[in-house]
């Protein structure tokens, strides 16, 4: 089930505070300008969450990529811990973009994205419900499509 809008907004605000604004406040020795930025982030987080959850695919994926690349910078590929996929941001990323930087994911990651076990992923692959990547693992887009299909079935 996709996260509630307010859960996603809360997580985005919390992540931006911890990863960006708190360090900036320390660097700037408590400058009042950071408080203004916090207000902007609160407003923008609502807009980003709306786009991620309900926007068209292109806009949603664009917002997701901007947020992921800003909050999780690094020289290597984006590789969050398995429990990250159960967070509101992880759930919306999985449902809207699949894995944002990987064409294929391991059975363990696919299971985390879907909220099932590795064995459950194996069963879905065997039954043709998830597409196997030719070089191993599961196609990220297949996981995304499975999540969308499940959501569509819940609405019906």
N, C-alpha and C. Protein backbone atom coordinates (compact mmCIF):
# COMPACT_ATOMS: atom_id res chain seq x y z
N UNK A 1 0.85 -1.17 0.00
CA UNK A 1 0.00 0.00 0.00
C UNK A 1 0.90 1.24 0.00
N UNK A 2 0.59 2.22 -0.84
CA UNK A 2 1.42 3.42 -0.87
C UNK A 2 1.29 4.19 0.45
N UNK A 3 2.31 4.95 0.78
CA UNK A 3 2.27 5.70 2.04
C UNK A 3 1.24 6.82 1.97
N UNK A 4 0.79 7.23 3.13
CA UNK A 4 -0.08 8.40 3.19
C UNK A 4 0.76 9.64 2.90
N UNK A 5 0.13 10.63 2.31
CA UNK A 5 0.80 11.87 1.94
C UNK A 5 1.52 12.49 3.13
N UNK A 6 0.84 12.57 4.27
CA UNK A 6 1.44 13.21 5.44
C UNK A 6 2.63 12.43 5.97
N UNK A 7 2.62 11.09 5.86
CA UNK A 7 3.78 10.29 6.28
C UNK A 7 5.00 10.60 5.41
N UNK A 8 4.76 10.73 4.11
CA UNK A 8 5.85 11.04 3.19
C UNK A 8 6.38 12.45 3.45
N UNK A 9 5.50 13.41 3.66
CA UNK A 9 5.92 14.78 3.96
C UNK A 9 6.77 14.79 5.21
N UNK A 10 6.32 14.12 6.26
CA UNK A 10 7.06 14.08 7.52
C UNK A 10 8.46 13.48 7.32
N UNK A 11 8.55 12.39 6.56
CA UNK A 11 9.86 11.79 6.35
C UNK A 11 10.76 12.71 5.53
N UNK A 12 10.24 13.34 4.49
CA UNK A 12 11.05 14.26 3.69
C UNK A 12 11.59 15.40 4.54
N UNK A 13 10.73 16.00 5.35
CA UNK A 13 11.16 17.11 6.22
C UNK A 13 12.23 16.64 7.19
N UNK A 14 12.00 15.49 7.80
CA UNK A 14 12.96 14.95 8.77
C UNK A 14 14.32 14.67 8.11
N UNK A 15 14.31 14.05 6.93
CA UNK A 15 15.56 13.75 6.23
C UNK A 15 16.31 15.02 5.83
N UNK A 16 15.58 15.99 5.32
CA UNK A 16 16.23 17.24 4.90
C UNK A 16 16.79 17.98 6.10
N UNK A 17 16.04 17.98 7.20
CA UNK A 17 16.57 18.59 8.44
C UNK A 17 17.87 17.92 8.87
N UNK A 18 17.86 16.61 8.94
CA UNK A 18 19.02 15.86 9.45
C UNK A 18 20.21 15.93 8.49
N UNK A 19 19.96 15.73 7.21
CA UNK A 19 21.06 15.61 6.25
C UNK A 19 21.57 16.94 5.69
N UNK A 20 20.71 17.95 5.67
CA UNK A 20 21.11 19.20 5.04
C UNK A 20 21.07 20.41 5.97
N UNK A 21 19.93 20.63 6.60
CA UNK A 21 19.77 21.88 7.36
C UNK A 21 20.51 21.88 8.69
N UNK A 22 20.47 20.79 9.43
CA UNK A 22 21.21 20.76 10.69
C UNK A 22 22.71 20.97 10.47
N UNK A 23 23.34 20.27 9.51
CA UNK A 23 24.77 20.55 9.26
C UNK A 23 25.01 21.99 8.80
N UNK A 24 24.11 22.54 8.00
CA UNK A 24 24.26 23.92 7.55
C UNK A 24 24.16 24.89 8.73
N UNK A 25 23.23 24.60 9.64
CA UNK A 25 23.09 25.44 10.84
C UNK A 25 24.37 25.41 11.68
N UNK A 26 24.98 24.25 11.79
CA UNK A 26 26.24 24.14 12.54
C UNK A 26 27.34 24.91 11.82
N UNK A 27 27.43 24.73 10.51
CA UNK A 27 28.46 25.41 9.73
C UNK A 27 28.31 26.93 9.81
N UNK A 28 27.07 27.41 9.79
CA UNK A 28 26.81 28.85 9.81
C UNK A 28 26.66 29.39 11.23
N UNK A 29 26.99 28.56 12.21
CA UNK A 29 26.98 28.98 13.62
C UNK A 29 25.62 29.52 14.04
N UNK A 30 24.56 28.79 13.66
CA UNK A 30 23.21 29.14 14.09
C UNK A 30 22.60 30.34 13.40
N UNK A 31 23.04 30.68 12.21
CA UNK A 31 22.52 31.83 11.48
C UNK A 31 21.00 31.72 11.31
N UNK A 32 20.31 32.85 11.46
CA UNK A 32 18.85 32.87 11.36
C UNK A 32 18.33 32.49 9.97
N UNK A 33 19.16 32.60 8.96
CA UNK A 33 18.73 32.26 7.61
C UNK A 33 18.32 30.81 7.46
N UNK A 34 18.85 29.95 8.30
CA UNK A 34 18.49 28.53 8.22
C UNK A 34 17.02 28.34 8.58
N UNK A 35 16.49 29.15 9.51
CA UNK A 35 15.07 29.05 9.86
C UNK A 35 14.19 29.36 8.65
N UNK A 36 14.60 30.31 7.84
CA UNK A 36 13.85 30.62 6.62
C UNK A 36 13.86 29.43 5.67
N UNK A 37 15.02 28.77 5.58
CA UNK A 37 15.11 27.58 4.73
C UNK A 37 14.21 26.46 5.24
N UNK A 38 14.11 26.32 6.55
CA UNK A 38 13.23 25.29 7.11
C UNK A 38 11.78 25.53 6.70
N UNK A 39 11.36 26.77 6.69
CA UNK A 39 9.99 27.10 6.27
C UNK A 39 9.78 26.75 4.79
N UNK A 40 10.77 27.05 3.97
CA UNK A 40 10.69 26.72 2.54
C UNK A 40 10.61 25.21 2.36
N UNK A 41 11.43 24.47 3.09
CA UNK A 41 11.43 23.01 2.99
C UNK A 41 10.08 22.44 3.38
N UNK A 42 9.45 22.97 4.42
CA UNK A 42 8.13 22.49 4.84
C UNK A 42 7.12 22.66 3.70
N UNK A 43 7.13 23.80 3.05
CA UNK A 43 6.22 24.03 1.93
C UNK A 43 6.54 23.12 0.75
N UNK A 44 7.81 23.06 0.39
CA UNK A 44 8.21 22.26 -0.77
C UNK A 44 8.01 20.77 -0.55
N UNK A 45 8.21 20.30 0.67
CA UNK A 45 8.04 18.87 0.95
C UNK A 45 6.61 18.43 0.64
N UNK A 46 5.64 19.28 0.95
CA UNK A 46 4.24 18.95 0.62
C UNK A 46 4.06 18.84 -0.89
N UNK A 47 4.66 19.76 -1.62
CA UNK A 47 4.56 19.74 -3.08
C UNK A 47 5.27 18.52 -3.67
N UNK A 48 6.48 18.21 -3.18
CA UNK A 48 7.21 17.04 -3.67
C UNK A 48 6.42 15.76 -3.40
N UNK A 49 5.86 15.64 -2.20
CA UNK A 49 5.08 14.44 -1.85
C UNK A 49 3.86 14.31 -2.75
N UNK A 50 3.19 15.41 -3.02
CA UNK A 50 2.03 15.37 -3.91
C UNK A 50 2.42 14.88 -5.29
N UNK A 51 3.53 15.38 -5.80
CA UNK A 51 4.01 14.97 -7.12
C UNK A 51 4.42 13.51 -7.11
N UNK A 52 5.14 13.08 -6.08
CA UNK A 52 5.62 11.70 -6.00
C UNK A 52 4.47 10.70 -5.91
N UNK A 53 3.45 11.05 -5.15
CA UNK A 53 2.34 10.12 -4.93
C UNK A 53 1.32 10.18 -6.05
N UNK A 54 0.98 11.39 -6.50
CA UNK A 54 -0.13 11.51 -7.42
C UNK A 54 0.16 12.16 -8.75
N UNK A 55 1.37 12.63 -8.97
CA UNK A 55 1.70 13.29 -10.23
C UNK A 55 1.83 12.30 -11.37
N UNK A 56 1.97 12.84 -12.58
CA UNK A 56 2.19 11.94 -13.70
C UNK A 56 3.55 11.27 -13.53
N UNK A 57 3.76 10.18 -14.24
CA UNK A 57 4.97 9.37 -14.04
C UNK A 57 6.25 10.16 -14.24
N UNK A 58 6.31 10.94 -15.28
CA UNK A 58 7.53 11.70 -15.56
C UNK A 58 7.86 12.68 -14.43
N UNK A 59 6.85 13.42 -13.98
CA UNK A 59 7.06 14.39 -12.90
C UNK A 59 7.41 13.67 -11.59
N UNK A 60 6.73 12.55 -11.32
CA UNK A 60 7.00 11.80 -10.09
C UNK A 60 8.43 11.26 -10.08
N UNK A 61 8.85 10.65 -11.17
CA UNK A 61 10.20 10.11 -11.24
C UNK A 61 11.23 11.24 -11.18
N UNK A 62 10.95 12.37 -11.81
CA UNK A 62 11.86 13.51 -11.72
C UNK A 62 12.04 14.00 -10.30
N UNK A 63 10.94 14.12 -9.57
CA UNK A 63 11.01 14.55 -8.17
C UNK A 63 11.76 13.52 -7.33
N UNK A 64 11.50 12.26 -7.58
CA UNK A 64 12.17 11.18 -6.84
C UNK A 64 13.67 11.23 -7.08
N UNK A 65 14.08 11.35 -8.33
CA UNK A 65 15.51 11.37 -8.65
C UNK A 65 16.19 12.58 -8.01
N UNK A 66 15.55 13.74 -8.04
CA UNK A 66 16.14 14.93 -7.41
C UNK A 66 16.31 14.74 -5.92
N UNK A 67 15.29 14.20 -5.26
CA UNK A 67 15.36 14.00 -3.82
C UNK A 67 16.41 12.94 -3.46
N UNK A 68 16.41 11.82 -4.17
CA UNK A 68 17.37 10.75 -3.88
C UNK A 68 18.80 11.24 -4.10
N UNK A 69 19.05 11.92 -5.22
CA UNK A 69 20.41 12.35 -5.52
C UNK A 69 20.88 13.44 -4.55
N UNK A 70 19.97 14.22 -4.00
CA UNK A 70 20.32 15.26 -3.04
C UNK A 70 20.53 14.69 -1.64
N UNK A 71 19.64 13.81 -1.22
CA UNK A 71 19.71 13.29 0.15
C UNK A 71 20.66 12.12 0.32
N UNK A 72 20.97 11.44 -0.78
CA UNK A 72 21.85 10.27 -0.71
C UNK A 72 22.96 10.39 -1.74
N UNK A 73 23.78 11.45 -1.65
CA UNK A 73 24.86 11.61 -2.63
C UNK A 73 25.96 10.58 -2.38
N UNK A 74 26.70 10.33 -3.40
CA UNK A 74 27.82 9.40 -3.22
C UNK A 74 28.46 9.08 -4.55
N UNK A 75 29.64 8.53 -4.48
CA UNK A 75 30.36 8.15 -5.68
C UNK A 75 29.89 6.80 -6.22
N UNK A 76 29.30 6.00 -5.36
CA UNK A 76 28.83 4.68 -5.78
C UNK A 76 27.34 4.70 -6.08
N UNK A 77 26.81 3.55 -6.47
CA UNK A 77 25.38 3.46 -6.76
C UNK A 77 24.54 3.62 -5.50
N UNK A 78 23.33 4.06 -5.67
CA UNK A 78 22.37 4.17 -4.57
C UNK A 78 22.02 2.76 -4.11
N UNK A 79 22.33 2.44 -2.86
CA UNK A 79 22.13 1.09 -2.35
C UNK A 79 21.66 1.17 -0.90
N UNK A 80 20.38 1.55 -0.71
CA UNK A 80 19.90 1.71 0.67
C UNK A 80 19.77 0.36 1.37
N UNK A 81 19.77 0.37 2.70
CA UNK A 81 19.54 -0.88 3.43
C UNK A 81 18.14 -1.41 3.12
N UNK A 82 17.96 -2.71 3.29
CA UNK A 82 16.69 -3.33 2.93
C UNK A 82 15.50 -2.70 3.65
N UNK A 83 15.66 -2.33 4.92
CA UNK A 83 14.52 -1.76 5.65
C UNK A 83 14.14 -0.37 5.15
N UNK A 84 15.01 0.30 4.39
CA UNK A 84 14.67 1.61 3.82
C UNK A 84 13.46 1.50 2.89
N UNK A 85 13.34 0.38 2.20
CA UNK A 85 12.23 0.20 1.24
C UNK A 85 10.88 0.16 1.93
N UNK A 86 10.81 -0.03 3.25
CA UNK A 86 9.54 -0.04 3.98
C UNK A 86 9.17 1.34 4.50
N UNK A 87 10.05 2.32 4.34
CA UNK A 87 9.74 3.69 4.76
C UNK A 87 8.78 4.32 3.75
N UNK A 88 8.11 5.40 4.12
CA UNK A 88 7.22 6.07 3.15
C UNK A 88 7.95 6.45 1.86
N UNK A 89 9.16 7.00 1.98
CA UNK A 89 9.91 7.36 0.77
C UNK A 89 10.28 6.12 -0.03
N UNK A 90 10.75 5.08 0.64
CA UNK A 90 11.10 3.85 -0.05
C UNK A 90 9.91 3.24 -0.78
N UNK A 91 8.75 3.29 -0.16
CA UNK A 91 7.55 2.71 -0.77
C UNK A 91 7.13 3.49 -2.02
N UNK A 92 7.19 4.81 -1.94
CA UNK A 92 6.78 5.60 -3.11
C UNK A 92 7.82 5.48 -4.22
N UNK A 93 9.10 5.39 -3.87
CA UNK A 93 10.14 5.20 -4.87
C UNK A 93 9.92 3.86 -5.58
N UNK A 94 9.71 2.80 -4.82
CA UNK A 94 9.50 1.47 -5.42
C UNK A 94 8.28 1.47 -6.35
N UNK A 95 7.20 2.08 -5.92
CA UNK A 95 5.96 2.05 -6.69
C UNK A 95 6.00 2.95 -7.93
N UNK A 96 6.72 4.06 -7.84
CA UNK A 96 6.72 5.00 -8.97
C UNK A 96 7.92 4.83 -9.90
N UNK A 97 9.07 4.45 -9.35
CA UNK A 97 10.29 4.40 -10.16
C UNK A 97 10.94 3.02 -10.19
N UNK A 98 10.49 2.10 -9.35
CA UNK A 98 11.27 0.88 -9.16
C UNK A 98 12.52 1.27 -8.40
N UNK A 99 13.63 0.66 -8.71
CA UNK A 99 14.90 1.11 -8.12
C UNK A 99 15.39 2.24 -9.01
N UNK A 100 15.65 3.42 -8.44
CA UNK A 100 15.95 4.58 -9.30
C UNK A 100 17.27 4.53 -10.04
N UNK A 101 18.20 3.64 -9.63
CA UNK A 101 19.50 3.63 -10.29
C UNK A 101 19.93 2.25 -10.76
N UNK A 102 19.09 1.24 -10.62
CA UNK A 102 19.49 -0.11 -10.99
C UNK A 102 18.47 -0.73 -11.94
N UNK A 103 18.97 -1.32 -13.01
CA UNK A 103 18.09 -2.03 -13.94
C UNK A 103 17.56 -3.32 -13.33
N UNK A 104 18.43 -3.98 -12.54
CA UNK A 104 18.00 -5.20 -11.86
C UNK A 104 18.34 -5.09 -10.38
N UNK A 105 17.60 -5.85 -9.58
CA UNK A 105 17.84 -5.89 -8.14
C UNK A 105 17.89 -7.35 -7.70
N UNK A 106 18.56 -7.59 -6.59
CA UNK A 106 18.63 -8.95 -6.04
C UNK A 106 17.25 -9.37 -5.56
N UNK A 107 17.11 -10.67 -5.33
CA UNK A 107 15.84 -11.17 -4.79
C UNK A 107 15.56 -10.55 -3.42
N UNK A 108 16.61 -10.33 -2.63
CA UNK A 108 16.43 -9.73 -1.30
C UNK A 108 15.90 -8.30 -1.42
N UNK A 109 16.46 -7.52 -2.34
CA UNK A 109 15.99 -6.14 -2.54
C UNK A 109 14.57 -6.15 -3.10
N UNK A 110 14.32 -7.00 -4.08
CA UNK A 110 12.96 -7.10 -4.64
C UNK A 110 11.96 -7.45 -3.55
N UNK A 111 12.34 -8.38 -2.67
CA UNK A 111 11.46 -8.74 -1.56
C UNK A 111 11.21 -7.57 -0.62
N UNK A 112 12.26 -6.82 -0.33
CA UNK A 112 12.09 -5.64 0.54
C UNK A 112 11.18 -4.62 -0.13
N UNK A 113 11.36 -4.40 -1.42
CA UNK A 113 10.52 -3.45 -2.13
C UNK A 113 9.06 -3.88 -2.13
N UNK A 114 8.83 -5.19 -2.25
CA UNK A 114 7.46 -5.73 -2.30
C UNK A 114 6.88 -6.05 -0.93
N UNK A 115 7.74 -6.07 0.09
CA UNK A 115 7.27 -6.41 1.43
C UNK A 115 7.03 -7.91 1.59
N UNK A 116 7.82 -8.73 0.87
CA UNK A 116 7.70 -10.18 0.95
C UNK A 116 9.10 -10.77 1.13
N UNK A 117 9.17 -12.08 1.31
CA UNK A 117 10.44 -12.75 1.50
C UNK A 117 11.14 -12.99 0.17
N UNK A 118 12.42 -13.35 0.26
CA UNK A 118 13.16 -13.74 -0.95
C UNK A 118 12.51 -14.95 -1.60
N UNK A 119 12.03 -15.87 -0.78
CA UNK A 119 11.34 -17.06 -1.32
C UNK A 119 10.08 -16.64 -2.07
N UNK A 120 9.38 -15.64 -1.53
CA UNK A 120 8.19 -15.13 -2.23
C UNK A 120 8.55 -14.55 -3.59
N UNK A 121 9.68 -13.84 -3.66
CA UNK A 121 10.15 -13.31 -4.94
C UNK A 121 10.48 -14.45 -5.88
N UNK A 122 11.18 -15.46 -5.37
CA UNK A 122 11.53 -16.62 -6.20
C UNK A 122 10.26 -17.27 -6.78
N UNK A 123 9.24 -17.42 -5.94
CA UNK A 123 7.98 -18.01 -6.41
C UNK A 123 7.34 -17.15 -7.50
N UNK A 124 7.36 -15.83 -7.32
CA UNK A 124 6.78 -14.95 -8.34
C UNK A 124 7.56 -15.02 -9.65
N UNK A 125 8.87 -15.12 -9.56
CA UNK A 125 9.69 -15.25 -10.77
C UNK A 125 9.37 -16.57 -11.46
N UNK A 126 9.30 -17.64 -10.69
CA UNK A 126 9.02 -18.97 -11.24
C UNK A 126 7.66 -19.00 -11.94
N UNK A 127 6.68 -18.31 -11.38
CA UNK A 127 5.33 -18.28 -11.96
C UNK A 127 5.18 -17.22 -13.04
N UNK A 128 6.26 -16.49 -13.35
CA UNK A 128 6.20 -15.49 -14.40
C UNK A 128 5.53 -14.19 -14.00
N UNK A 129 5.40 -13.96 -12.71
CA UNK A 129 4.76 -12.73 -12.21
C UNK A 129 5.77 -11.60 -12.05
N UNK A 130 7.06 -11.95 -11.97
CA UNK A 130 8.16 -10.99 -11.96
C UNK A 130 9.15 -11.43 -13.04
N UNK A 131 9.73 -10.46 -13.73
CA UNK A 131 10.67 -10.77 -14.81
C UNK A 131 12.09 -10.90 -14.28
N UNK A 132 12.72 -11.99 -14.62
CA UNK A 132 14.12 -12.23 -14.26
C UNK A 132 15.01 -11.40 -15.19
N UNK A 133 16.06 -10.82 -14.64
CA UNK A 133 17.05 -10.11 -15.46
C UNK A 133 17.98 -11.16 -16.06
N UNK A 134 18.38 -11.00 -17.33
CA UNK A 134 19.24 -12.00 -17.97
C UNK A 134 20.56 -12.24 -17.23
N UNK A 135 21.06 -11.25 -16.51
CA UNK A 135 22.33 -11.40 -15.80
C UNK A 135 22.13 -11.73 -14.32
N UNK A 136 20.91 -11.99 -13.92
CA UNK A 136 20.61 -12.35 -12.54
C UNK A 136 19.73 -11.30 -11.87
N UNK A 137 19.06 -11.74 -10.84
CA UNK A 137 18.17 -10.83 -10.12
C UNK A 137 16.85 -10.66 -10.85
N UNK A 138 16.17 -9.57 -10.50
CA UNK A 138 14.84 -9.28 -11.02
C UNK A 138 14.87 -7.88 -11.64
N UNK A 139 14.18 -7.72 -12.75
CA UNK A 139 14.09 -6.38 -13.36
C UNK A 139 13.40 -5.43 -12.39
N UNK A 140 14.01 -4.30 -12.17
CA UNK A 140 13.45 -3.28 -11.28
C UNK A 140 12.07 -2.83 -11.75
N UNK A 141 11.92 -2.68 -13.06
CA UNK A 141 10.63 -2.25 -13.60
C UNK A 141 9.55 -3.30 -13.37
N UNK A 142 9.95 -4.57 -13.31
CA UNK A 142 9.00 -5.63 -13.03
C UNK A 142 8.46 -5.52 -11.60
N UNK A 143 9.35 -5.18 -10.67
CA UNK A 143 8.92 -4.98 -9.28
C UNK A 143 7.97 -3.79 -9.22
N UNK A 144 8.34 -2.69 -9.88
CA UNK A 144 7.47 -1.51 -9.91
C UNK A 144 6.10 -1.86 -10.48
N UNK A 145 6.08 -2.57 -11.60
CA UNK A 145 4.81 -2.94 -12.23
C UNK A 145 3.97 -3.83 -11.32
N UNK A 146 4.61 -4.74 -10.60
CA UNK A 146 3.90 -5.60 -9.66
C UNK A 146 3.26 -4.78 -8.55
N UNK A 147 3.99 -3.79 -8.03
CA UNK A 147 3.42 -2.92 -7.00
C UNK A 147 2.23 -2.13 -7.54
N UNK A 148 2.34 -1.64 -8.76
CA UNK A 148 1.23 -0.89 -9.36
C UNK A 148 0.02 -1.80 -9.58
N UNK A 149 0.28 -3.02 -10.00
CA UNK A 149 -0.80 -3.98 -10.22
C UNK A 149 -1.52 -4.28 -8.90
N UNK A 150 -0.74 -4.50 -7.84
CA UNK A 150 -1.34 -4.76 -6.52
C UNK A 150 -2.19 -3.58 -6.08
N UNK A 151 -1.68 -2.36 -6.29
CA UNK A 151 -2.45 -1.17 -5.89
C UNK A 151 -3.73 -1.06 -6.71
N UNK A 152 -3.64 -1.35 -7.99
CA UNK A 152 -4.83 -1.32 -8.84
C UNK A 152 -5.87 -2.32 -8.40
N UNK A 153 -5.44 -3.52 -7.97
CA UNK A 153 -6.36 -4.54 -7.49
C UNK A 153 -7.02 -4.13 -6.19
N UNK A 154 -6.32 -3.38 -5.35
CA UNK A 154 -6.90 -2.91 -4.09
C UNK A 154 -8.00 -1.89 -4.34
N UNK A 155 -7.81 -1.08 -5.38
CA UNK A 155 -8.79 -0.03 -5.68
C UNK A 155 -10.05 -0.60 -6.33
N UNK A 156 -9.88 -1.72 -7.03
CA UNK A 156 -11.00 -2.31 -7.77
C UNK A 156 -12.02 -2.97 -6.85
